[in-house]
Amino acid sequence: MKYFVAFAVFALAFAAEEQKEDERPKTFRRLIPADVLRDFPGMCFASTRCATVEPGNTWDLAPFCGRSTCVVSEDTPPRLLELVEDCGPLPLANPKCKLDTDKTNKTAPFPGCCPIFTCEDGVTLEYPELPTPAPEAEAEKKEEEKKA
């Protein structure tokens, strides 16, 4: 019986640990045109490191919470893009939710540096809607880029 109680306590502690992982906000990913220096045309420029980065490599965005990866587009001709991953927008203000400064580690590597919020029971954080470009606008933009 003692082993069963010990196992049950362990299982509850493990479940609580899993729930803590769920408190961390979602991370956001987006592709943007990479900064490229004229003297290093086949490499991305990582402004937070003041360094060039080869396609396929990742760099930290410190002092910001995030990371980027240099990628080559599948377009013809191929372009260099930066895959940015970060914590995304902050949640909408809610007096029943507070930034948990004890659990948030701003100096941890991404995604551990993302802010963690604690809310009263039954309260869920709400995040702002992020605008997404309409497919037509994206297609028009690509056509304009091809002409340029």
N, C-alpha and C. Protein backbone atom coordinates (compact mmCIF):
# COMPACT_ATOMS: atom_id res chain seq x y z
N MET A 1 0.82 -1.20 0.00
CA MET A 1 0.00 0.00 0.00
C MET A 1 0.87 1.26 0.00
N LYS A 2 2.00 1.20 0.74
CA LYS A 2 2.89 2.35 0.79
C LYS A 2 3.41 2.70 -0.60
N TYR A 3 3.71 1.66 -1.42
CA TYR A 3 4.22 1.90 -2.76
C TYR A 3 3.16 2.56 -3.63
N PHE A 4 1.91 2.17 -3.46
CA PHE A 4 0.82 2.76 -4.23
C PHE A 4 0.68 4.23 -3.91
N VAL A 5 0.74 4.59 -2.62
CA VAL A 5 0.64 6.00 -2.21
C VAL A 5 1.81 6.79 -2.78
N ALA A 6 3.02 6.23 -2.69
CA ALA A 6 4.19 6.92 -3.22
C ALA A 6 4.05 7.12 -4.73
N PHE A 7 3.57 6.11 -5.44
CA PHE A 7 3.36 6.22 -6.88
C PHE A 7 2.32 7.28 -7.19
N ALA A 8 1.22 7.32 -6.42
CA ALA A 8 0.17 8.30 -6.65
C ALA A 8 0.69 9.72 -6.44
N VAL A 9 1.51 9.91 -5.40
CA VAL A 9 2.10 11.24 -5.15
C VAL A 9 3.02 11.62 -6.30
N PHE A 10 3.84 10.66 -6.77
CA PHE A 10 4.72 10.91 -7.90
C PHE A 10 3.92 11.27 -9.15
N ALA A 11 2.84 10.54 -9.39
CA ALA A 11 2.00 10.80 -10.57
C ALA A 11 1.38 12.18 -10.50
N LEU A 12 0.92 12.59 -9.31
CA LEU A 12 0.34 13.93 -9.16
C LEU A 12 1.41 15.00 -9.38
N ALA A 13 2.61 14.78 -8.84
CA ALA A 13 3.69 15.75 -9.03
C ALA A 13 4.04 15.86 -10.50
N PHE A 14 4.07 14.73 -11.21
CA PHE A 14 4.37 14.73 -12.64
C PHE A 14 3.27 15.46 -13.41
N ALA A 15 2.01 15.24 -13.07
CA ALA A 15 0.90 15.92 -13.73
C ALA A 15 0.97 17.42 -13.48
N ALA A 16 1.33 17.81 -12.25
CA ALA A 16 1.46 19.24 -11.95
C ALA A 16 2.59 19.85 -12.77
N GLU A 17 3.68 19.11 -12.92
CA GLU A 17 4.80 19.59 -13.72
C GLU A 17 4.38 19.75 -15.18
N GLU A 18 3.59 18.80 -15.71
CA GLU A 18 3.09 18.91 -17.09
C GLU A 18 2.21 20.14 -17.23
N GLN A 19 1.37 20.41 -16.24
CA GLN A 19 0.48 21.57 -16.31
C GLN A 19 1.29 22.86 -16.34
N LYS A 20 2.40 22.91 -15.57
CA LYS A 20 3.24 24.09 -15.58
C LYS A 20 3.77 24.36 -16.98
N GLU A 21 4.11 23.31 -17.71
CA GLU A 21 4.58 23.48 -19.08
C GLU A 21 3.51 24.13 -19.95
N ASP A 22 2.23 23.81 -19.68
CA ASP A 22 1.14 24.36 -20.48
C ASP A 22 0.93 25.84 -20.22
N GLU A 23 1.42 26.36 -19.09
CA GLU A 23 1.23 27.78 -18.76
C GLU A 23 2.05 28.68 -19.68
N ARG A 24 3.11 28.13 -20.26
CA ARG A 24 3.96 28.93 -21.13
C ARG A 24 3.18 29.29 -22.40
N PRO A 25 3.25 30.55 -22.83
CA PRO A 25 2.48 30.95 -24.02
C PRO A 25 3.00 30.27 -25.28
N LYS A 26 2.16 30.26 -26.29
CA LYS A 26 2.57 29.73 -27.59
C LYS A 26 3.66 30.61 -28.15
N THR A 27 4.50 30.01 -28.96
CA THR A 27 5.51 30.81 -29.65
C THR A 27 5.01 31.09 -31.06
N PHE A 28 5.50 32.17 -31.62
CA PHE A 28 5.06 32.60 -32.95
C PHE A 28 6.21 32.49 -33.92
N ARG A 29 5.90 32.09 -35.15
CA ARG A 29 6.89 31.96 -36.21
C ARG A 29 6.43 32.75 -37.42
N ARG A 30 7.38 33.45 -38.04
CA ARG A 30 7.04 34.17 -39.26
C ARG A 30 8.30 34.30 -40.12
N LEU A 31 8.10 34.34 -41.42
CA LEU A 31 9.19 34.53 -42.37
C LEU A 31 9.22 35.98 -42.80
N ILE A 32 10.39 36.58 -42.75
CA ILE A 32 10.56 37.95 -43.22
C ILE A 32 11.77 37.97 -44.16
N PRO A 33 11.85 38.96 -45.05
CA PRO A 33 13.05 39.06 -45.89
C PRO A 33 14.28 39.24 -44.99
N ALA A 34 15.34 38.52 -45.28
CA ALA A 34 16.55 38.61 -44.48
C ALA A 34 17.33 39.87 -44.83
N ASP A 35 18.01 40.42 -43.83
CA ASP A 35 18.96 41.50 -44.08
C ASP A 35 20.19 40.85 -44.71
N VAL A 36 20.69 41.46 -45.77
CA VAL A 36 21.85 40.92 -46.47
C VAL A 36 22.82 42.07 -46.73
N LEU A 37 24.08 41.85 -46.41
CA LEU A 37 25.11 42.85 -46.68
C LEU A 37 25.65 42.65 -48.09
N ARG A 38 25.92 43.73 -48.79
CA ARG A 38 26.36 43.61 -50.19
C ARG A 38 27.67 42.83 -50.33
N ASP A 39 28.52 42.86 -49.30
CA ASP A 39 29.79 42.14 -49.36
C ASP A 39 29.65 40.65 -49.03
N PHE A 40 28.46 40.25 -48.54
CA PHE A 40 28.21 38.84 -48.18
C PHE A 40 26.85 38.43 -48.74
N PRO A 41 26.72 38.38 -50.07
CA PRO A 41 25.40 38.19 -50.70
C PRO A 41 24.71 36.86 -50.41
N GLY A 42 25.41 35.81 -50.06
CA GLY A 42 24.75 34.53 -49.83
C GLY A 42 24.50 34.22 -48.38
N MET A 43 24.57 35.26 -47.52
CA MET A 43 24.41 35.04 -46.09
C MET A 43 23.44 36.05 -45.50
N CYS A 44 22.76 35.64 -44.43
CA CYS A 44 21.88 36.55 -43.69
C CYS A 44 22.72 37.39 -42.74
N PHE A 45 22.27 38.61 -42.50
CA PHE A 45 22.94 39.46 -41.53
C PHE A 45 22.13 39.45 -40.25
N ALA A 46 22.76 39.00 -39.15
CA ALA A 46 22.12 38.95 -37.83
C ALA A 46 22.47 40.23 -37.09
N SER A 47 21.55 41.19 -37.11
CA SER A 47 21.85 42.50 -36.52
C SER A 47 22.06 42.43 -35.01
N THR A 48 21.41 41.50 -34.33
CA THR A 48 21.58 41.40 -32.87
C THR A 48 22.95 40.86 -32.51
N ARG A 49 23.62 40.20 -33.46
CA ARG A 49 24.98 39.68 -33.22
C ARG A 49 26.02 40.45 -34.01
N CYS A 50 25.57 41.30 -34.93
CA CYS A 50 26.46 42.02 -35.83
C CYS A 50 27.38 41.02 -36.53
N ALA A 51 26.74 39.99 -37.12
CA ALA A 51 27.47 38.92 -37.77
C ALA A 51 26.68 38.39 -38.95
N THR A 52 27.38 37.73 -39.87
CA THR A 52 26.70 37.06 -40.97
C THR A 52 26.47 35.60 -40.59
N VAL A 53 25.39 35.04 -41.13
CA VAL A 53 24.99 33.68 -40.78
C VAL A 53 24.68 32.94 -42.08
N GLU A 54 25.21 31.74 -42.20
CA GLU A 54 24.97 30.92 -43.39
C GLU A 54 23.56 30.34 -43.36
N PRO A 55 22.97 30.11 -44.54
CA PRO A 55 21.64 29.47 -44.58
C PRO A 55 21.65 28.14 -43.81
N GLY A 56 20.57 27.94 -43.06
CA GLY A 56 20.42 26.73 -42.26
C GLY A 56 20.86 26.92 -40.82
N ASN A 57 21.57 28.01 -40.52
CA ASN A 57 22.04 28.25 -39.16
C ASN A 57 21.10 29.18 -38.40
N THR A 58 21.11 29.03 -37.09
CA THR A 58 20.21 29.77 -36.19
C THR A 58 21.03 30.66 -35.27
N TRP A 59 20.43 31.80 -34.88
CA TRP A 59 21.09 32.67 -33.90
C TRP A 59 20.06 33.19 -32.91
N ASP A 60 20.56 33.51 -31.74
CA ASP A 60 19.75 34.04 -30.64
C ASP A 60 19.48 35.52 -30.89
N LEU A 61 18.32 36.00 -30.50
CA LEU A 61 17.97 37.41 -30.72
C LEU A 61 18.19 38.29 -29.49
N ALA A 62 18.97 37.80 -28.52
CA ALA A 62 19.25 38.59 -27.31
C ALA A 62 19.73 39.98 -27.72
N PRO A 63 19.25 41.00 -27.07
CA PRO A 63 18.57 41.06 -25.78
C PRO A 63 17.05 40.82 -25.85
N PHE A 64 16.55 40.45 -27.01
CA PHE A 64 15.13 40.14 -27.15
C PHE A 64 14.94 38.65 -26.92
N CYS A 65 13.72 38.23 -26.63
CA CYS A 65 13.43 36.82 -26.40
C CYS A 65 13.00 36.19 -27.72
N GLY A 66 13.91 35.49 -28.36
CA GLY A 66 13.59 34.85 -29.62
C GLY A 66 14.82 34.29 -30.28
N ARG A 67 14.60 33.68 -31.43
CA ARG A 67 15.70 33.17 -32.24
C ARG A 67 15.30 33.27 -33.71
N SER A 68 16.30 33.32 -34.55
CA SER A 68 16.07 33.40 -36.00
C SER A 68 16.91 32.35 -36.70
N THR A 69 16.42 31.94 -37.87
CA THR A 69 17.14 30.99 -38.70
C THR A 69 17.21 31.56 -40.11
N CYS A 70 18.38 31.47 -40.71
CA CYS A 70 18.58 31.91 -42.09
C CYS A 70 18.11 30.79 -43.01
N VAL A 71 17.16 31.08 -43.90
CA VAL A 71 16.63 30.07 -44.82
C VAL A 71 16.63 30.60 -46.25
N VAL A 72 16.69 29.68 -47.18
CA VAL A 72 16.63 30.02 -48.60
C VAL A 72 15.22 29.72 -49.08
N SER A 73 14.60 30.70 -49.76
CA SER A 73 13.24 30.50 -50.25
C SER A 73 13.22 29.51 -51.40
N GLU A 74 12.04 29.02 -51.71
CA GLU A 74 11.87 28.11 -52.84
C GLU A 74 11.49 28.87 -54.10
N ASP A 75 11.50 30.20 -54.01
CA ASP A 75 11.18 31.04 -55.17
C ASP A 75 12.24 30.89 -56.25
N THR A 76 11.89 31.37 -57.45
CA THR A 76 12.86 31.45 -58.53
C THR A 76 12.97 32.91 -58.93
N PRO A 77 14.06 33.57 -58.77
CA PRO A 77 15.29 33.08 -58.14
C PRO A 77 15.12 32.99 -56.62
N PRO A 78 15.91 32.13 -55.97
CA PRO A 78 15.79 31.99 -54.52
C PRO A 78 16.20 33.27 -53.79
N ARG A 79 15.56 33.52 -52.66
CA ARG A 79 15.86 34.68 -51.82
C ARG A 79 16.23 34.19 -50.43
N LEU A 80 16.97 35.01 -49.70
CA LEU A 80 17.26 34.69 -48.31
C LEU A 80 16.15 35.24 -47.44
N LEU A 81 15.67 34.41 -46.52
CA LEU A 81 14.62 34.78 -45.60
C LEU A 81 15.09 34.52 -44.18
N GLU A 82 14.44 35.18 -43.23
CA GLU A 82 14.73 34.98 -41.82
C GLU A 82 13.48 34.41 -41.17
N LEU A 83 13.60 33.21 -40.62
CA LEU A 83 12.51 32.60 -39.88
C LEU A 83 12.66 33.07 -38.43
N VAL A 84 11.77 33.97 -38.02
CA VAL A 84 11.82 34.55 -36.68
C VAL A 84 10.85 33.78 -35.79
N GLU A 85 11.34 33.35 -34.63
CA GLU A 85 10.52 32.70 -33.62
C GLU A 85 10.62 33.54 -32.35
N ASP A 86 9.46 33.94 -31.82
CA ASP A 86 9.47 34.71 -30.58
C ASP A 86 8.21 34.44 -29.77
N CYS A 87 8.03 35.21 -28.70
CA CYS A 87 6.91 34.99 -27.78
C CYS A 87 5.61 35.57 -28.31
N GLY A 88 5.66 36.35 -29.38
CA GLY A 88 4.45 36.93 -29.94
C GLY A 88 3.96 38.11 -29.10
N PRO A 89 2.75 38.54 -29.38
CA PRO A 89 2.21 39.71 -28.68
C PRO A 89 1.87 39.37 -27.23
N LEU A 90 1.93 40.39 -26.38
CA LEU A 90 1.52 40.22 -24.99
C LEU A 90 0.00 40.05 -24.94
N PRO A 91 -0.50 39.35 -23.92
CA PRO A 91 -1.95 39.19 -23.82
C PRO A 91 -2.62 40.52 -23.52
N LEU A 92 -3.92 40.57 -23.80
CA LEU A 92 -4.71 41.76 -23.46
C LEU A 92 -4.73 41.92 -21.95
N ALA A 93 -4.78 43.17 -21.51
CA ALA A 93 -4.79 43.45 -20.07
C ALA A 93 -5.98 42.76 -19.40
N ASN A 94 -5.70 42.13 -18.28
CA ASN A 94 -6.74 41.44 -17.52
C ASN A 94 -6.37 41.54 -16.04
N PRO A 95 -7.19 42.24 -15.24
CA PRO A 95 -6.84 42.42 -13.82
C PRO A 95 -6.80 41.10 -13.04
N LYS A 96 -7.33 40.02 -13.60
CA LYS A 96 -7.33 38.74 -12.91
C LYS A 96 -6.12 37.88 -13.29
N CYS A 97 -5.24 38.43 -14.12
CA CYS A 97 -4.02 37.73 -14.53
C CYS A 97 -2.83 38.65 -14.30
N LYS A 98 -1.77 38.07 -13.80
CA LYS A 98 -0.56 38.84 -13.51
C LYS A 98 0.66 38.14 -14.10
N LEU A 99 1.65 38.93 -14.49
CA LEU A 99 2.93 38.39 -14.92
C LEU A 99 3.56 37.72 -13.71
N ASP A 100 3.94 36.46 -13.87
CA ASP A 100 4.54 35.70 -12.77
C ASP A 100 6.05 35.91 -12.82
N THR A 101 6.54 36.89 -12.04
CA THR A 101 7.96 37.23 -12.08
C THR A 101 8.83 36.13 -11.47
N ASP A 102 8.27 35.28 -10.63
CA ASP A 102 9.04 34.18 -10.06
C ASP A 102 9.30 33.08 -11.08
N LYS A 103 8.38 32.88 -12.02
CA LYS A 103 8.51 31.81 -13.02
C LYS A 103 9.12 32.31 -14.33
N THR A 104 9.05 33.61 -14.60
CA THR A 104 9.58 34.16 -15.84
C THR A 104 11.08 34.38 -15.70
N ASN A 105 11.84 33.84 -16.64
CA ASN A 105 13.29 33.98 -16.64
C ASN A 105 13.71 34.68 -17.92
N LYS A 106 13.85 36.00 -17.87
CA LYS A 106 14.14 36.79 -19.06
C LYS A 106 15.48 36.47 -19.69
N THR A 107 16.38 35.85 -18.95
CA THR A 107 17.71 35.57 -19.50
C THR A 107 17.86 34.13 -19.99
N ALA A 108 16.82 33.32 -19.85
CA ALA A 108 16.88 31.92 -20.32
C ALA A 108 16.90 31.89 -21.84
N PRO A 109 17.45 30.83 -22.43
CA PRO A 109 17.38 30.70 -23.89
C PRO A 109 15.93 30.52 -24.34
N PHE A 110 15.64 30.97 -25.55
CA PHE A 110 14.29 30.86 -26.12
C PHE A 110 13.89 29.39 -26.20
N PRO A 111 12.68 29.02 -25.86
CA PRO A 111 11.50 29.80 -25.48
C PRO A 111 11.36 30.00 -23.97
N GLY A 112 12.39 29.60 -23.20
CA GLY A 112 12.32 29.73 -21.75
C GLY A 112 12.25 31.15 -21.26
N CYS A 113 12.58 32.13 -22.11
CA CYS A 113 12.56 33.54 -21.71
C CYS A 113 11.19 34.19 -21.89
N CYS A 114 10.24 33.48 -22.50
CA CYS A 114 8.91 34.05 -22.71
C CYS A 114 8.21 34.29 -21.37
N PRO A 115 7.42 35.36 -21.29
CA PRO A 115 6.75 35.66 -20.03
C PRO A 115 5.70 34.60 -19.67
N ILE A 116 5.58 34.35 -18.38
CA ILE A 116 4.59 33.41 -17.88
C ILE A 116 3.60 34.20 -17.02
N PHE A 117 2.32 33.99 -17.27
CA PHE A 117 1.27 34.68 -16.55
C PHE A 117 0.51 33.70 -15.68
N THR A 118 0.09 34.17 -14.51
CA THR A 118 -0.73 33.38 -13.61
C THR A 118 -2.08 34.08 -13.50
N CYS A 119 -3.14 33.30 -13.71
CA CYS A 119 -4.50 33.85 -13.66
C CYS A 119 -5.29 33.20 -12.53
N GLU A 120 -6.31 33.90 -12.08
CA GLU A 120 -7.21 33.32 -11.09
C GLU A 120 -7.90 32.11 -11.72
N ASP A 121 -8.37 31.20 -10.88
CA ASP A 121 -9.04 29.99 -11.38
C ASP A 121 -10.17 30.35 -12.33
N GLY A 122 -10.23 29.63 -13.45
CA GLY A 122 -11.30 29.81 -14.42
C GLY A 122 -11.08 30.95 -15.40
N VAL A 123 -9.99 31.70 -15.25
CA VAL A 123 -9.72 32.84 -16.13
C VAL A 123 -8.69 32.42 -17.17
N THR A 124 -8.95 32.79 -18.43
CA THR A 124 -8.04 32.47 -19.53
C THR A 124 -7.56 33.76 -20.16
N LEU A 125 -6.28 33.81 -20.44
CA LEU A 125 -5.73 34.99 -21.11
C LEU A 125 -6.26 35.10 -22.53
N GLU A 126 -6.46 36.32 -22.97
CA GLU A 126 -6.88 36.57 -24.35
C GLU A 126 -5.75 37.33 -25.04
N TYR A 127 -5.48 36.96 -26.28
CA TYR A 127 -4.42 37.60 -27.04
C TYR A 127 -5.01 38.40 -28.19
N PRO A 128 -4.33 39.49 -28.59
CA PRO A 128 -4.85 40.28 -29.71
C PRO A 128 -4.80 39.47 -31.01
N GLU A 129 -5.73 39.79 -31.90
CA GLU A 129 -5.75 39.16 -33.22
C GLU A 129 -4.59 39.71 -34.03
N LEU A 130 -3.81 38.83 -34.63
CA LEU A 130 -2.73 39.27 -35.50
C LEU A 130 -3.23 39.34 -36.93
N PRO A 131 -2.99 40.45 -37.61
CA PRO A 131 -3.45 40.55 -38.99
C PRO A 131 -2.67 39.58 -39.87
N THR A 132 -3.40 38.92 -40.74
CA THR A 132 -2.75 38.02 -41.70
C THR A 132 -3.03 38.58 -43.09
N PRO A 133 -2.02 38.64 -43.95
CA PRO A 133 -2.24 39.19 -45.29
C PRO A 133 -3.20 38.31 -46.08
N ALA A 134 -4.07 38.95 -46.81
CA ALA A 134 -5.00 38.21 -47.67
C ALA A 134 -4.21 37.53 -48.77
N PRO A 135 -4.66 36.35 -49.20
CA PRO A 135 -3.92 35.63 -50.27
C PRO A 135 -3.74 36.47 -51.52
N GLU A 136 -4.75 37.28 -51.86
CA GLU A 136 -4.63 38.12 -53.06
C GLU A 136 -3.53 39.15 -52.89
N ALA A 137 -3.47 39.77 -51.71
CA ALA A 137 -2.45 40.79 -51.45
C ALA A 137 -1.06 40.17 -51.49
N GLU A 138 -0.93 38.98 -50.96
CA GLU A 138 0.36 38.28 -50.98
C GLU A 138 0.77 37.95 -52.41
N ALA A 139 -0.18 37.50 -53.24
CA ALA A 139 0.11 37.17 -54.64
C ALA A 139 0.52 38.44 -55.41
N GLU A 140 -0.20 39.55 -55.17
CA GLU A 140 0.14 40.81 -55.83
C GLU A 140 1.54 41.27 -55.44
N LYS A 141 1.88 41.12 -54.17
CA LYS A 141 3.20 41.52 -53.68
C LYS A 141 4.29 40.71 -54.38
N LYS A 142 4.07 39.40 -54.54
CA LYS A 142 5.06 38.57 -55.22
C LYS A 142 5.22 38.97 -56.68
N GLU A 143 4.10 39.32 -57.35
CA GLU A 143 4.17 39.75 -58.74
C GLU A 143 4.95 41.03 -58.87
N GLU A 144 4.73 41.98 -57.93
CA GLU A 144 5.46 43.25 -57.96
C GLU A 144 6.94 43.02 -57.75
N GLU A 145 7.28 42.08 -56.85
CA GLU A 145 8.69 41.78 -56.59
C GLU A 145 9.36 41.18 -57.82
N LYS A 146 8.62 40.36 -58.59
CA LYS A 146 9.19 39.76 -59.79
C LYS A 146 9.48 40.83 -60.85
N LYS A 147 8.63 41.85 -60.93
CA LYS A 147 8.81 42.91 -61.92
C LYS A 147 10.01 43.80 -61.56
N ALA A 148 10.28 43.95 -60.28
CA ALA A 148 11.34 44.86 -59.83
C ALA A 148 12.72 44.34 -60.10
